[in-house]
Amino acid sequence: MSGIADSCRMAAAILACAIAIPASVDGKEWPNRTTPRPYTTNNVPHVQVGVEAVPELTAELLRRVEDIPDVEVRDTVVSLPGAMGFWLADDLPLRHPDVIVGGREFAHIHPDGSLHASLDPETAQAAIETGWAVSHPWSDQRPGWEGFVMIYTPVSADELEVVFELVLDSYDFITGRALSGEQ
């Protein structure tokens, strides 16, 4: 019986270590999100359930997004009423235009503060593993959309930092620029 107990203790220790280790992509570490993952729908519209935005954090996120070069915040063409799209300038060359859902809207924020964005698939996986995001229901249905995720609503200033970094990573992935880590 002690062999089974030892195996269980070893498995628990391995799991505890795996949970505590942040994910790393291209040398960038994504910290583990400490707030619980919200429940999300498994269809479209893909939304969080029972989550409300923190107005000050949403306002600050939108201010930062407006400061990204060649980005304009305006009404979405692909999401729910009240959502705001993050639009790339028409003359900005794109490395991955195929991952944009509609127009030149590379991401959008919902009224509840969650976002949809297309990330490099490795970054998307790291964001999912560390609790910052969940795959969009269509991410495995359309070619090139493997990195299409919902980023959960930030509920603190620290979470806002990570969420904005994910928005910058989406911008970098789609445009081929390298702003992530500079802002």
Protein backbone atom coordinates (compact mmCIF):
# COMPACT_ATOMS: atom_id res chain seq x y z
CA MET A 1 0.00 0.00 0.00
CA SER A 2 2.88 2.39 0.69
CA GLY A 3 3.95 2.13 -2.95
CA ILE A 4 0.58 3.51 -4.08
CA ALA A 5 0.71 6.25 -1.43
CA ASP A 6 4.25 7.17 -2.50
CA SER A 7 3.15 7.28 -6.14
CA CYS A 8 0.22 9.53 -5.23
CA ARG A 9 2.48 11.87 -3.25
CA MET A 10 4.93 12.00 -6.16
CA ALA A 11 2.14 12.75 -8.64
CA ALA A 12 0.82 15.52 -6.37
CA ALA A 13 4.31 17.04 -6.08
CA ILE A 14 4.78 16.97 -9.86
CA LEU A 15 1.37 18.57 -10.38
CA ALA A 16 2.12 21.26 -7.80
CA CYS A 17 5.38 22.09 -9.56
CA ALA A 18 3.70 22.19 -12.95
CA ILE A 19 1.07 24.59 -11.66
CA ALA A 20 3.65 26.91 -10.09
CA ILE A 21 5.94 27.16 -13.11
CA PRO A 22 5.05 29.98 -15.50
CA ALA A 23 4.94 29.20 -19.21
CA SER A 24 7.71 30.53 -21.42
CA VAL A 25 7.64 31.33 -25.14
CA ASP A 26 10.67 32.71 -26.96
CA GLY A 27 12.26 33.65 -23.64
CA LYS A 28 9.19 35.52 -22.37
CA GLU A 29 7.62 34.10 -19.23
CA TRP A 30 3.87 34.33 -18.70
CA PRO A 31 3.01 34.40 -15.00
CA ASN A 32 0.23 32.20 -13.67
CA ARG A 33 -3.05 34.07 -13.32
CA THR A 34 -4.17 33.75 -9.70
CA THR A 35 -7.85 34.63 -10.05
CA PRO A 36 -10.23 31.81 -11.00
CA ARG A 37 -10.93 31.13 -14.67
CA PRO A 38 -14.40 32.41 -15.55
CA TYR A 39 -16.93 30.08 -17.10
CA THR A 40 -17.34 30.72 -20.83
CA THR A 41 -19.84 29.55 -23.39
CA ASN A 42 -18.74 26.87 -25.84
CA ASN A 43 -20.44 28.44 -28.85
CA VAL A 44 -20.84 31.76 -30.61
CA PRO A 45 -21.31 34.30 -29.22
CA HIS A 46 -18.33 33.24 -27.12
CA VAL A 47 -18.72 35.11 -23.83
CA GLN A 48 -17.83 34.89 -20.16
CA VAL A 49 -20.71 34.19 -17.80
CA GLY A 50 -21.22 36.26 -14.65
CA VAL A 51 -18.21 38.57 -15.13
CA GLU A 52 -18.31 42.35 -15.12
CA ALA A 53 -15.61 44.70 -16.34
CA VAL A 54 -13.73 46.98 -13.97
CA PRO A 55 -14.45 50.32 -15.70
CA GLU A 56 -11.14 51.94 -14.73
CA LEU A 57 -9.13 49.00 -16.06
CA THR A 58 -11.11 48.89 -19.31
CA ALA A 59 -10.57 52.64 -19.80
CA GLU A 60 -6.83 52.25 -19.18
CA LEU A 61 -6.58 49.29 -21.56
CA LEU A 62 -8.36 51.24 -24.31
CA ARG A 63 -6.07 54.24 -23.70
CA ARG A 64 -3.01 52.02 -24.10
CA VAL A 65 -4.38 50.34 -27.22
CA GLU A 66 -4.99 53.77 -28.79
CA ASP A 67 -1.28 54.51 -28.22
CA ILE A 68 -0.15 51.49 -30.27
CA PRO A 69 1.21 52.74 -33.63
CA ASP A 70 -1.23 52.39 -36.53
CA VAL A 71 -4.12 51.22 -34.30
CA GLU A 72 -7.52 52.85 -33.93
CA VAL A 73 -10.21 51.82 -31.42
CA ARG A 74 -13.67 51.89 -33.00
CA ASP A 75 -16.88 49.90 -33.18
CA THR A 76 -16.40 46.22 -33.92
CA VAL A 77 -17.69 44.57 -37.08
CA VAL A 78 -17.41 41.01 -35.77
CA SER A 79 -18.56 41.00 -32.15
CA LEU A 80 -21.44 41.85 -29.87
CA PRO A 81 -23.11 45.27 -29.70
CA GLY A 82 -21.07 47.48 -27.37
CA ALA A 83 -17.77 45.75 -28.16
CA MET A 84 -14.89 47.88 -29.42
CA GLY A 85 -12.57 46.70 -32.20
CA PHE A 86 -8.83 47.29 -32.41
CA TRP A 87 -8.29 48.27 -36.04
CA LEU A 88 -5.02 48.30 -37.97
CA ALA A 89 -4.32 51.14 -40.41
CA ASP A 90 -5.13 50.33 -44.03
CA ASP A 91 -1.57 51.04 -45.18
CA LEU A 92 0.09 48.86 -42.51
CA PRO A 93 1.61 45.69 -44.04
CA LEU A 94 0.47 42.46 -42.37
CA ARG A 95 2.43 39.26 -41.87
CA HIS A 96 -0.63 37.15 -40.96
CA PRO A 97 -3.73 38.76 -42.49
CA ASP A 98 -5.43 35.34 -42.61
CA VAL A 99 -5.96 35.28 -38.83
CA ILE A 100 -8.00 38.48 -38.77
CA VAL A 101 -11.69 37.72 -38.31
CA GLY A 102 -13.04 40.70 -40.24
CA GLY A 103 -11.79 43.87 -41.90
CA ARG A 104 -8.53 44.92 -40.24
CA GLU A 105 -9.87 44.33 -36.72
CA PHE A 106 -7.11 42.29 -35.07
CA ALA A 107 -8.79 42.10 -31.65
CA HIS A 108 -11.82 43.41 -29.80
CA ILE A 109 -12.94 44.00 -26.23
CA HIS A 110 -16.39 42.99 -25.03
CA PRO A 111 -18.55 45.01 -22.65
CA ASP A 112 -17.57 42.55 -19.87
CA GLY A 113 -13.86 43.41 -20.36
CA SER A 114 -12.83 40.13 -22.01
CA LEU A 115 -11.12 40.22 -25.38
CA HIS A 116 -10.83 38.08 -28.48
CA ALA A 117 -7.46 38.16 -30.20
CA SER A 118 -5.32 36.06 -32.50
CA LEU A 119 -1.97 35.08 -31.04
CA ASP A 120 0.94 33.05 -32.28
CA PRO A 121 -0.23 29.49 -31.49
CA GLU A 122 2.63 28.92 -29.00
CA THR A 123 1.79 32.14 -27.16
CA ALA A 124 -1.90 31.21 -27.17
CA GLN A 125 -1.06 27.84 -25.62
CA ALA A 126 1.08 29.50 -22.94
CA ALA A 127 -1.73 31.99 -22.18
CA ILE A 128 -4.18 29.10 -21.83
CA GLU A 129 -1.84 27.04 -19.66
CA THR A 130 -1.20 29.96 -17.28
CA GLY A 131 -4.89 30.85 -16.93
CA TRP A 132 -5.08 34.05 -19.02
CA ALA A 133 -7.13 32.75 -21.93
CA VAL A 134 -9.30 30.03 -23.39
CA SER A 135 -9.45 28.83 -26.99
CA HIS A 136 -12.24 30.27 -29.10
CA PRO A 137 -14.77 27.58 -30.14
CA TRP A 138 -13.73 28.10 -33.78
CA SER A 139 -9.98 27.90 -33.11
CA ASP A 140 -9.83 24.31 -34.35
CA GLN A 141 -12.42 24.77 -37.09
CA ARG A 142 -10.69 27.25 -39.37
CA PRO A 143 -7.17 26.96 -40.81
CA GLY A 144 -4.80 29.52 -39.29
CA TRP A 145 -6.97 30.15 -36.25
CA GLU A 146 -5.12 27.88 -33.83
CA GLY A 147 -4.12 30.93 -31.77
CA PHE A 148 -7.59 32.53 -31.65
CA VAL A 149 -8.44 33.00 -27.95
CA MET A 150 -10.60 34.80 -25.46
CA ILE A 151 -8.42 36.70 -22.98
CA TYR A 152 -10.17 36.93 -19.62
CA THR A 153 -11.26 40.23 -18.10
CA PRO A 154 -8.46 41.85 -16.07
CA VAL A 155 -9.56 42.44 -12.47
CA SER A 156 -6.44 44.20 -11.13
CA ALA A 157 -3.70 46.52 -12.32
CA ASP A 158 -1.28 43.57 -12.36
CA GLU A 159 -3.63 41.55 -14.55
CA LEU A 160 -4.04 44.54 -16.87
CA GLU A 161 -0.27 44.50 -17.49
CA VAL A 162 -0.39 40.90 -18.70
CA VAL A 163 -3.56 41.43 -20.76
CA PHE A 164 -2.03 44.44 -22.51
CA GLU A 165 1.13 42.43 -23.20
CA LEU A 166 -1.08 39.77 -24.85
CA VAL A 167 -2.72 42.48 -26.99
CA LEU A 168 0.76 43.65 -28.04
CA ASP A 169 1.72 40.07 -28.84
CA SER A 170 -1.36 39.79 -31.06
CA TYR A 171 -0.38 43.01 -32.82
CA ASP A 172 3.19 41.75 -33.27
CA PHE A 173 2.06 38.37 -34.59
CA ILE A 174 -0.32 39.83 -37.14
CA THR A 175 1.86 42.75 -38.28
CA GLY A 176 5.31 41.21 -37.97
CA ARG A 177 6.43 44.13 -35.82
CA ALA A 178 8.08 43.75 -32.42
CA LEU A 179 6.42 46.10 -29.93
CA SER A 180 5.78 43.51 -27.24
CA GLY A 181 7.98 44.22 -24.25
CA GLU A 182 8.73 47.78 -25.42
CA GLN A 183 5.58 49.61 -24.32
